[in-house]
């Protein structure tokens, strides 16, 4: 019973970190509004300047979560 209380007090683990950090999200939105596609944005973020290893589906999911594009 004591371990259950300890887990409730501590909360859950934060989970898997996002592939696109929150501080890079404005860059993703800006590139999308300029007309870049998901793959092009991923290629730009994977460059040495940003150093983020993001797949194009991560870019798509980020834009859907931010409400910039419609999901299925």
C-alpha atoms as a PDB file:
ATOM      1  CA  UNK A   1       0.000   0.000   0.000  1.00  0.00           C
ATOM      2  CA  UNK A   2       2.862   2.352   0.754  1.00  0.00           C
ATOM      3  CA  UNK A   3       4.400   1.897  -2.715  1.00  0.00           C
ATOM      4  CA  UNK A   4       1.080   2.769  -4.367  1.00  0.00           C
ATOM      5  CA  UNK A   5       0.955   6.054  -2.467  1.00  0.00           C
ATOM      6  CA  UNK A   6       4.556   6.798  -3.389  1.00  0.00           C
ATOM      7  CA  UNK A   7       3.797   6.281  -7.076  1.00  0.00           C
ATOM      8  CA  UNK A   8       0.729   8.502  -6.893  1.00  0.00           C
ATOM      9  CA  UNK A   9       2.653  11.268  -5.151  1.00  0.00           C
ATOM     10  CA  UNK A  10       5.619  11.099  -7.543  1.00  0.00           C
ATOM     11  CA  UNK A  11       3.458  11.036 -10.665  1.00  0.00           C
ATOM     12  CA  UNK A  12       4.192   9.334 -13.924  1.00  0.00           C
ATOM     13  CA  UNK A  13       7.455   9.281 -15.778  1.00  0.00           C
ATOM     14  CA  UNK A  14       7.656  11.994 -18.435  1.00  0.00           C
ATOM     15  CA  UNK A  15       7.751   9.479 -21.289  1.00  0.00           C
ATOM     16  CA  UNK A  16       9.570   9.595 -24.563  1.00  0.00           C
ATOM     17  CA  UNK A  17      10.987  12.999 -25.488  1.00  0.00           C
ATOM     18  CA  UNK A  18       9.583  14.661 -28.581  1.00  0.00           C
ATOM     19  CA  UNK A  19      11.579  14.430 -31.793  1.00  0.00           C
ATOM     20  CA  UNK A  20      10.923  18.119 -32.442  1.00  0.00           C
ATOM     21  CA  UNK A  21      11.628  20.166 -29.299  1.00  0.00           C
ATOM     22  CA  UNK A  22       9.221  22.944 -28.356  1.00  0.00           C
ATOM     23  CA  UNK A  23      11.788  25.675 -29.062  1.00  0.00           C
ATOM     24  CA  UNK A  24      12.072  24.475 -32.695  1.00  0.00           C
ATOM     25  CA  UNK A  25       8.297  24.358 -33.311  1.00  0.00           C
ATOM     26  CA  UNK A  26       8.131  28.013 -34.500  1.00  0.00           C
ATOM     27  CA  UNK A  27      10.811  27.205 -37.096  1.00  0.00           C
ATOM     28  CA  UNK A  28       8.750  24.252 -38.329  1.00  0.00           C
ATOM     29  CA  UNK A  29       5.604  26.381 -38.577  1.00  0.00           C
ATOM     30  CA  UNK A  30       7.477  29.174 -40.368  1.00  0.00           C
ATOM     31  CA  UNK A  31       8.954  26.777 -42.927  1.00  0.00           C
ATOM     32  CA  UNK A  32       5.544  25.192 -43.496  1.00  0.00           C
ATOM     33  CA  UNK A  33       3.928  28.591 -44.042  1.00  0.00           C
ATOM     34  CA  UNK A  34       6.670  29.419 -46.578  1.00  0.00           C
ATOM     35  CA  UNK A  35       5.576  26.405 -48.608  1.00  0.00           C
ATOM     36  CA  UNK A  36       8.086  23.743 -47.608  1.00  0.00           C
ATOM     37  CA  UNK A  37       6.811  20.178 -47.408  1.00  0.00           C
ATOM     38  CA  UNK A  38       7.244  17.699 -44.576  1.00  0.00           C
ATOM     39  CA  UNK A  39      10.289  16.032 -46.108  1.00  0.00           C
ATOM     40  CA  UNK A  40      11.990  19.327 -46.918  1.00  0.00           C
ATOM     41  CA  UNK A  41      11.457  20.586 -43.362  1.00  0.00           C
ATOM     42  CA  UNK A  42      12.866  17.321 -41.965  1.00  0.00           C
ATOM     43  CA  UNK A  43      15.886  17.644 -44.251  1.00  0.00           C
ATOM     44  CA  UNK A  44      16.483  21.228 -43.063  1.00  0.00           C
ATOM     45  CA  UNK A  45      16.193  20.234 -39.392  1.00  0.00           C
ATOM     46  CA  UNK A  46      18.540  17.286 -39.925  1.00  0.00           C
ATOM     47  CA  UNK A  47      21.236  19.677 -41.148  1.00  0.00           C
ATOM     48  CA  UNK A  48      24.185  20.550 -38.958  1.00  0.00           C
ATOM     49  CA  UNK A  49      22.654  23.899 -38.026  1.00  0.00           C
ATOM     50  CA  UNK A  50      19.742  22.428 -36.083  1.00  0.00           C
ATOM     51  CA  UNK A  51      21.107  18.945 -35.382  1.00  0.00           C
ATOM     52  CA  UNK A  52      17.699  17.332 -34.901  1.00  0.00           C
ATOM     53  CA  UNK A  53      17.102  13.839 -36.216  1.00  0.00           C
ATOM     54  CA  UNK A  54      13.448  14.146 -37.226  1.00  0.00           C
ATOM     55  CA  UNK A  55      11.536  11.985 -39.679  1.00  0.00           C
ATOM     56  CA  UNK A  56       8.993  13.655 -41.944  1.00  0.00           C
ATOM     57  CA  UNK A  57       6.159  11.958 -40.063  1.00  0.00           C
ATOM     58  CA  UNK A  58       7.312  13.706 -36.867  1.00  0.00           C
ATOM     59  CA  UNK A  59       7.035  17.027 -38.695  1.00  0.00           C
ATOM     60  CA  UNK A  60       3.541  16.118 -39.889  1.00  0.00           C
ATOM     61  CA  UNK A  61       2.412  15.094 -36.395  1.00  0.00           C
ATOM     62  CA  UNK A  62       3.858  18.285 -34.907  1.00  0.00           C
ATOM     63  CA  UNK A  63       1.954  20.453 -37.376  1.00  0.00           C
ATOM     64  CA  UNK A  64      -1.256  18.497 -36.735  1.00  0.00           C
ATOM     65  CA  UNK A  65      -0.822  18.862 -32.974  1.00  0.00           C
ATOM     66  CA  UNK A  66      -0.273  22.626 -33.353  1.00  0.00           C
ATOM     67  CA  UNK A  67      -3.416  22.876 -35.503  1.00  0.00           C
ATOM     68  CA  UNK A  68      -1.629  24.137 -38.620  1.00  0.00           C
ATOM     69  CA  UNK A  69      -2.824  21.255 -40.833  1.00  0.00           C
ATOM     70  CA  UNK A  70      -5.795  18.939 -40.650  1.00  0.00           C
ATOM     71  CA  UNK A  71      -5.281  15.331 -39.659  1.00  0.00           C
ATOM     72  CA  UNK A  72      -7.273  12.418 -41.001  1.00  0.00           C
END
